[in-house]
N, C-alpha and C. Protein backbone atom coordinates (compact mmCIF):
# COMPACT_ATOMS: atom_id res chain seq x y z
N UNK A 1 91.58 97.72 46.34
CA UNK A 1 92.92 98.25 46.44
C UNK A 1 92.84 99.77 46.31
N UNK A 2 93.45 100.46 47.26
CA UNK A 2 93.47 101.92 47.20
C UNK A 2 94.52 102.37 46.20
N UNK A 3 94.11 103.19 45.23
CA UNK A 3 95.02 103.65 44.19
C UNK A 3 95.43 105.10 44.37
N UNK A 4 94.72 105.80 45.24
CA UNK A 4 95.02 107.19 45.59
C UNK A 4 94.31 107.45 46.92
N UNK A 5 94.61 108.56 47.53
CA UNK A 5 93.96 108.90 48.79
C UNK A 5 92.45 108.90 48.61
N UNK A 6 91.75 108.07 49.35
CA UNK A 6 90.29 107.95 49.34
C UNK A 6 89.71 107.33 48.06
N UNK A 7 90.57 106.85 47.16
CA UNK A 7 90.10 106.29 45.89
C UNK A 7 90.55 104.83 45.79
N UNK A 8 89.59 103.93 45.49
CA UNK A 8 89.89 102.51 45.39
C UNK A 8 89.32 101.92 44.11
N UNK A 9 89.86 100.77 43.75
CA UNK A 9 89.27 99.95 42.69
C UNK A 9 89.12 98.54 43.24
N UNK A 10 87.99 97.94 42.91
CA UNK A 10 87.68 96.58 43.35
C UNK A 10 86.89 95.94 42.22
N UNK A 11 87.42 94.87 41.63
CA UNK A 11 86.73 94.24 40.50
C UNK A 11 85.30 93.82 40.81
N UNK A 12 84.99 93.64 42.09
CA UNK A 12 83.63 93.20 42.45
C UNK A 12 82.68 94.38 42.68
N UNK A 13 83.18 95.60 42.58
CA UNK A 13 82.34 96.79 42.78
C UNK A 13 82.41 97.64 41.51
N UNK A 14 81.29 97.79 40.85
CA UNK A 14 81.19 98.59 39.62
C UNK A 14 82.25 98.19 38.59
N UNK A 15 82.51 96.91 38.49
CA UNK A 15 83.43 96.37 37.48
C UNK A 15 84.83 96.95 37.56
N UNK A 16 85.23 97.39 38.76
CA UNK A 16 86.60 97.87 38.95
C UNK A 16 86.85 99.32 38.59
N UNK A 17 85.79 100.10 38.37
CA UNK A 17 86.02 101.53 38.12
C UNK A 17 86.37 102.21 39.44
N UNK A 18 87.09 103.32 39.40
CA UNK A 18 87.47 104.00 40.64
C UNK A 18 86.25 104.48 41.43
N UNK A 19 86.27 104.17 42.72
CA UNK A 19 85.20 104.58 43.64
C UNK A 19 85.82 105.25 44.86
N UNK A 20 84.97 105.88 45.64
CA UNK A 20 85.42 106.43 46.91
C UNK A 20 85.58 105.26 47.87
N UNK A 21 86.75 105.15 48.48
CA UNK A 21 87.05 104.05 49.38
C UNK A 21 85.98 103.92 50.47
N UNK A 22 85.52 102.69 50.66
CA UNK A 22 84.52 102.41 51.69
C UNK A 22 83.09 102.67 51.26
N UNK A 23 82.91 103.06 50.00
CA UNK A 23 81.56 103.32 49.48
C UNK A 23 81.42 102.60 48.14
N UNK A 24 80.27 102.78 47.53
CA UNK A 24 80.06 102.28 46.17
C UNK A 24 79.87 103.46 45.21
N UNK A 25 80.34 104.64 45.63
CA UNK A 25 80.16 105.86 44.85
C UNK A 25 81.31 106.02 43.86
N UNK A 26 81.02 105.95 42.56
CA UNK A 26 82.08 106.12 41.56
C UNK A 26 82.59 107.57 41.52
N UNK A 27 83.87 107.70 41.27
CA UNK A 27 84.47 109.02 41.11
C UNK A 27 83.76 109.77 39.98
N UNK A 28 83.40 109.06 38.92
CA UNK A 28 82.75 109.70 37.77
C UNK A 28 81.41 110.35 38.16
N UNK A 29 80.70 109.77 39.11
CA UNK A 29 79.43 110.36 39.56
C UNK A 29 79.68 111.68 40.26
N UNK A 30 80.73 111.72 41.08
CA UNK A 30 81.07 112.97 41.78
C UNK A 30 81.44 114.03 40.77
N UNK A 31 82.31 113.68 39.83
CA UNK A 31 82.75 114.65 38.84
C UNK A 31 81.59 115.13 37.97
N UNK A 32 80.74 114.21 37.57
CA UNK A 32 79.58 114.57 36.76
C UNK A 32 78.61 115.48 37.50
N UNK A 33 78.43 115.20 38.77
CA UNK A 33 77.54 116.03 39.59
C UNK A 33 78.08 117.45 39.71
N UNK A 34 79.38 117.56 39.96
CA UNK A 34 80.00 118.89 40.05
C UNK A 34 79.95 119.61 38.71
N UNK A 35 80.24 118.90 37.63
CA UNK A 35 80.19 119.49 36.30
C UNK A 35 78.78 119.91 35.93
N UNK A 36 77.80 119.21 36.46
CA UNK A 36 76.41 119.52 36.17
C UNK A 36 75.86 120.68 36.98
N UNK A 37 76.68 121.23 37.88
CA UNK A 37 76.25 122.41 38.60
C UNK A 37 76.05 122.24 40.09
N UNK A 38 76.14 121.02 40.60
CA UNK A 38 76.02 120.85 42.04
C UNK A 38 77.27 121.39 42.71
N UNK A 39 77.11 121.99 43.89
CA UNK A 39 78.30 122.43 44.62
C UNK A 39 78.78 121.29 45.51
N UNK A 40 79.95 121.47 46.11
CA UNK A 40 80.54 120.40 46.91
C UNK A 40 79.61 119.97 48.04
N UNK A 41 78.99 120.93 48.69
CA UNK A 41 78.12 120.61 49.82
C UNK A 41 76.94 119.75 49.38
N UNK A 42 76.37 120.06 48.23
CA UNK A 42 75.24 119.28 47.73
C UNK A 42 75.68 117.86 47.37
N UNK A 43 76.85 117.73 46.78
CA UNK A 43 77.37 116.40 46.44
C UNK A 43 77.64 115.61 47.73
N UNK A 44 78.22 116.27 48.72
CA UNK A 44 78.48 115.61 49.99
C UNK A 44 77.19 115.09 50.61
N UNK A 45 76.16 115.90 50.57
CA UNK A 45 74.88 115.51 51.16
C UNK A 45 74.21 114.40 50.33
N UNK A 46 74.19 114.55 49.03
CA UNK A 46 73.52 113.59 48.16
C UNK A 46 74.11 112.18 48.26
N UNK A 47 75.45 112.10 48.35
CA UNK A 47 76.12 110.80 48.34
C UNK A 47 76.72 110.41 49.69
N UNK A 48 76.41 111.21 50.72
CA UNK A 48 76.90 110.95 52.09
C UNK A 48 78.42 110.83 52.12
N UNK A 49 79.09 111.85 51.59
CA UNK A 49 80.54 111.89 51.52
C UNK A 49 81.07 113.04 52.36
N UNK A 50 82.35 112.95 52.68
CA UNK A 50 83.01 114.05 53.38
C UNK A 50 83.63 115.00 52.37
N UNK A 51 84.01 116.16 52.84
CA UNK A 51 84.67 117.12 51.96
C UNK A 51 85.98 116.52 51.45
N UNK A 52 86.70 115.81 52.30
CA UNK A 52 87.96 115.19 51.89
C UNK A 52 87.74 114.19 50.76
N UNK A 53 86.64 113.44 50.80
CA UNK A 53 86.36 112.46 49.75
C UNK A 53 86.05 113.14 48.42
N UNK A 54 85.27 114.19 48.46
CA UNK A 54 84.94 114.92 47.23
C UNK A 54 86.20 115.56 46.65
N UNK A 55 87.00 116.16 47.50
CA UNK A 55 88.23 116.77 47.02
C UNK A 55 89.22 115.73 46.51
N UNK A 56 89.20 114.53 47.08
CA UNK A 56 90.06 113.45 46.59
C UNK A 56 89.66 113.04 45.18
N UNK A 57 88.36 113.03 44.90
CA UNK A 57 87.90 112.71 43.54
C UNK A 57 88.40 113.76 42.55
N UNK A 58 88.37 115.01 42.94
CA UNK A 58 88.87 116.08 42.07
C UNK A 58 90.38 115.96 41.88
N UNK A 59 91.10 115.67 42.94
CA UNK A 59 92.55 115.52 42.84
C UNK A 59 92.92 114.33 41.95
N UNK A 60 92.17 113.24 42.09
CA UNK A 60 92.42 112.06 41.27
C UNK A 60 92.20 112.38 39.79
N UNK A 61 91.11 113.06 39.49
CA UNK A 61 90.82 113.44 38.10
C UNK A 61 91.90 114.37 37.56
N UNK A 62 92.37 115.28 38.37
CA UNK A 62 93.43 116.19 37.96
C UNK A 62 94.70 115.43 37.60
N UNK A 63 95.06 114.45 38.42
CA UNK A 63 96.25 113.66 38.14
C UNK A 63 96.10 112.85 36.86
N UNK A 64 94.93 112.28 36.64
CA UNK A 64 94.69 111.54 35.40
C UNK A 64 94.82 112.46 34.19
N UNK A 65 94.26 113.64 34.30
CA UNK A 65 94.35 114.60 33.20
C UNK A 65 95.80 114.97 32.91
N UNK A 66 96.56 115.22 33.96
CA UNK A 66 97.97 115.55 33.79
C UNK A 66 98.72 114.43 33.07
N UNK A 67 98.40 113.20 33.43
CA UNK A 67 99.08 112.05 32.82
C UNK A 67 98.74 111.92 31.34
N UNK A 68 97.52 112.22 30.98
CA UNK A 68 97.11 112.06 29.59
C UNK A 68 97.53 113.23 28.70
N UNK A 69 97.77 114.39 29.32
CA UNK A 69 98.16 115.56 28.54
C UNK A 69 99.63 115.90 28.71
N UNK A 70 100.30 115.16 29.54
CA UNK A 70 101.74 115.35 29.80
C UNK A 70 102.07 116.74 30.29
N UNK A 71 101.18 117.28 31.13
CA UNK A 71 101.41 118.62 31.71
C UNK A 71 102.36 118.55 32.88
């Protein structure tokens, strides 16, 4: 089930954690890679993602943060 643009959850894939739609790449891996110093292009190449998919992971994380901090 798609929960945001390019972001899905499926109980049969990674126990239902958010992934990039059509892949098995968890959003957390993308965020961790970026936080660890990889740039968007390197993440795109490493996980075979588009720029829109990487940016969707960032947008999803931003929305979650806003919800938890009530910003």
